[in-house]
Amino acid sequence: MKAAKRGTVQLAALPWRNQGRLEVLLITSRETRRWVIPKGWPMKGLPAPEAAAREAFEEAGVKGEVDPLAIGYYAYQKLMGDGSLRPLDVDVFALRVTELLDEWPEKDQRERRWFTPPEAADAVDEADLGTILRRFEG
């Protein structure tokens, strides 16, 4: 059996904590204000998990311990600056949050909110990301 062809890859962090109950952190996208997880492009010189953790810092204001292996991936269509849609695959790395910052680079551009995994799954638009969230156990 041949593996499915994957498109261009982005990297994402799934920030989580457990303070009596498991919670995951979602942020709003800048343009559409949809609930998403922090994600971005691979960064030269940084391993994929570390690049995902950097996105979580820049977009969500969190720091923590990132798992070295992706917990899954999902596909979505990114709206590009020229109005075109680009199919992307996003590798997702779990990030146990150890520090929640009051100030971070994109604070004024996004909202962040803690959800239970099932609540987060209902809040996101991408079905495959919803599946990852529903199955997530920390």
Protein backbone atom coordinates (compact mmCIF):
# COMPACT_ATOMS: atom_id res chain seq x y z
CA MET A 1 0.00 0.00 0.00
CA LYS A 2 1.34 3.40 -0.95
CA ALA A 3 1.39 6.19 1.64
CA ALA A 4 -0.87 9.14 0.97
CA LYS A 5 0.93 12.11 -0.55
CA ARG A 6 1.21 14.97 1.91
CA GLY A 7 1.14 18.62 0.93
CA THR A 8 3.30 21.39 2.28
CA VAL A 9 3.82 20.92 6.00
CA GLN A 10 3.29 23.41 8.80
CA LEU A 11 4.06 22.76 12.46
CA ALA A 12 1.68 23.28 15.38
CA ALA A 13 1.73 23.07 19.15
CA LEU A 14 -1.15 21.79 21.23
CA PRO A 15 -0.63 23.61 24.55
CA TRP A 16 -2.15 21.74 27.49
CA ARG A 17 -2.27 21.69 31.28
CA ASN A 18 -3.88 19.62 34.00
CA GLN A 19 -5.01 21.53 37.06
CA GLY A 20 -7.60 19.07 38.31
CA ARG A 21 -8.91 18.63 34.76
CA LEU A 22 -7.24 18.38 31.39
CA GLU A 23 -7.40 21.63 29.38
CA VAL A 24 -6.02 22.69 26.00
CA LEU A 25 -5.32 26.24 24.87
CA LEU A 26 -6.83 27.61 21.67
CA ILE A 27 -6.14 30.98 20.10
CA THR A 28 -7.99 32.98 17.50
CA SER A 29 -6.57 33.33 14.02
CA ARG A 30 -5.63 36.87 13.07
CA GLU A 31 -7.79 37.25 9.96
CA THR A 32 -10.93 35.15 10.49
CA ARG A 33 -10.92 35.00 14.32
CA ARG A 34 -11.57 31.24 14.17
CA TRP A 35 -10.35 29.07 17.05
CA VAL A 36 -7.07 27.36 16.11
CA ILE A 37 -3.91 26.02 17.69
CA PRO A 38 -0.60 27.90 17.34
CA LYS A 39 1.07 26.94 14.06
CA GLY A 40 3.56 28.16 11.51
CA TRP A 41 6.20 27.26 8.98
CA PRO A 42 9.29 25.15 9.68
CA MET A 43 12.23 27.25 10.90
CA LYS A 44 15.72 26.79 9.52
CA GLY A 45 18.01 25.32 12.15
CA LEU A 46 15.21 24.33 14.54
CA PRO A 47 13.87 20.79 14.88
CA ALA A 48 10.12 20.55 14.18
CA PRO A 49 9.04 20.21 17.85
CA GLU A 50 11.11 23.26 18.84
CA ALA A 51 9.68 25.31 15.96
CA ALA A 52 6.16 24.36 17.12
CA ALA A 53 7.06 25.46 20.66
CA ARG A 54 8.35 28.79 19.30
CA GLU A 55 5.01 29.36 17.53
CA ALA A 56 3.21 28.66 20.83
CA PHE A 57 5.33 31.32 22.53
CA GLU A 58 4.84 33.91 19.77
CA GLU A 59 1.12 33.33 19.15
CA ALA A 60 -0.22 32.14 22.53
CA GLY A 61 2.26 33.37 25.13
CA VAL A 62 3.09 29.97 26.58
CA LYS A 63 6.28 28.09 27.31
CA GLY A 64 6.66 24.47 28.29
CA GLU A 65 7.87 20.98 27.50
CA VAL A 66 7.22 19.88 23.93
CA ASP A 67 6.93 16.21 23.01
CA PRO A 68 9.58 15.15 20.47
CA LEU A 69 7.08 13.15 18.39
CA ALA A 70 4.00 14.50 16.66
CA ILE A 71 0.69 13.29 18.11
CA GLY A 72 -0.94 13.50 14.69
CA TYR A 73 -1.53 15.75 11.73
CA TYR A 74 -4.46 17.42 10.02
CA ALA A 75 -5.06 18.98 6.63
CA TYR A 76 -6.53 22.41 5.94
CA GLN A 77 -6.76 25.05 3.24
CA LYS A 78 -4.78 28.18 4.07
CA LEU A 79 -6.03 31.44 2.62
CA MET A 80 -2.99 33.12 1.10
CA GLY A 81 -2.36 36.84 0.74
CA ASP A 82 -3.29 36.75 -2.96
CA GLY A 83 -6.70 35.22 -2.16
CA SER A 84 -5.78 31.71 -3.28
CA LEU A 85 -6.18 28.59 -1.12
CA ARG A 86 -3.14 26.42 -0.44
CA PRO A 87 -3.58 22.84 0.84
CA LEU A 88 -1.41 22.23 3.90
CA ASP A 89 -0.72 19.39 6.31
CA VAL A 90 -0.02 20.39 9.91
CA ASP A 91 2.08 18.19 12.21
CA VAL A 92 0.86 18.63 15.82
CA PHE A 93 3.18 18.43 18.84
CA ALA A 94 1.82 18.35 22.40
CA LEU A 95 3.25 21.08 24.63
CA ARG A 96 2.80 20.77 28.41
CA VAL A 97 2.51 24.39 29.54
CA THR A 98 4.80 25.34 32.42
CA GLU A 99 4.59 29.12 31.99
CA LEU A 100 1.67 31.33 30.94
CA LEU A 101 3.00 34.77 30.01
CA ASP A 102 1.23 38.11 30.51
CA GLU A 103 3.08 39.65 27.56
CA TRP A 104 4.01 37.96 24.27
CA PRO A 105 4.65 39.01 20.64
CA GLU A 106 1.11 38.54 19.24
CA LYS A 107 -0.88 39.42 22.38
CA ASP A 108 -2.69 42.32 20.71
CA GLN A 109 -3.58 40.24 17.63
CA ARG A 110 -5.22 37.17 19.20
CA GLU A 111 -7.47 35.94 21.97
CA ARG A 112 -6.54 32.82 23.93
CA ARG A 113 -8.82 30.56 25.96
CA TRP A 114 -8.57 27.25 27.83
CA PHE A 115 -11.02 24.52 26.79
CA THR A 116 -11.56 20.89 27.73
CA PRO A 117 -10.51 18.71 24.77
CA PRO A 118 -14.14 17.97 23.76
CA GLU A 119 -15.03 21.69 23.96
CA ALA A 120 -11.96 22.53 21.86
CA ALA A 121 -12.90 19.87 19.30
CA ASP A 122 -16.32 21.50 18.93
CA ALA A 123 -14.78 24.99 18.63
CA VAL A 124 -12.36 24.30 15.74
CA ASP A 125 -13.43 24.11 12.08
CA GLU A 126 -11.02 21.40 10.90
CA ALA A 127 -12.57 17.94 11.41
CA ASP A 128 -9.20 16.16 11.64
CA LEU A 129 -7.98 18.62 14.28
CA GLY A 130 -11.21 17.97 16.15
CA THR A 131 -10.45 14.26 16.11
CA ILE A 132 -6.94 14.89 17.50
CA LEU A 133 -8.45 17.04 20.26
CA ARG A 134 -11.14 14.47 21.18
CA ARG A 135 -8.50 11.73 21.49
CA PHE A 136 -5.98 13.85 23.40
CA GLU A 137 -5.26 12.61 26.93
CA GLY A 138 -2.29 14.78 27.90
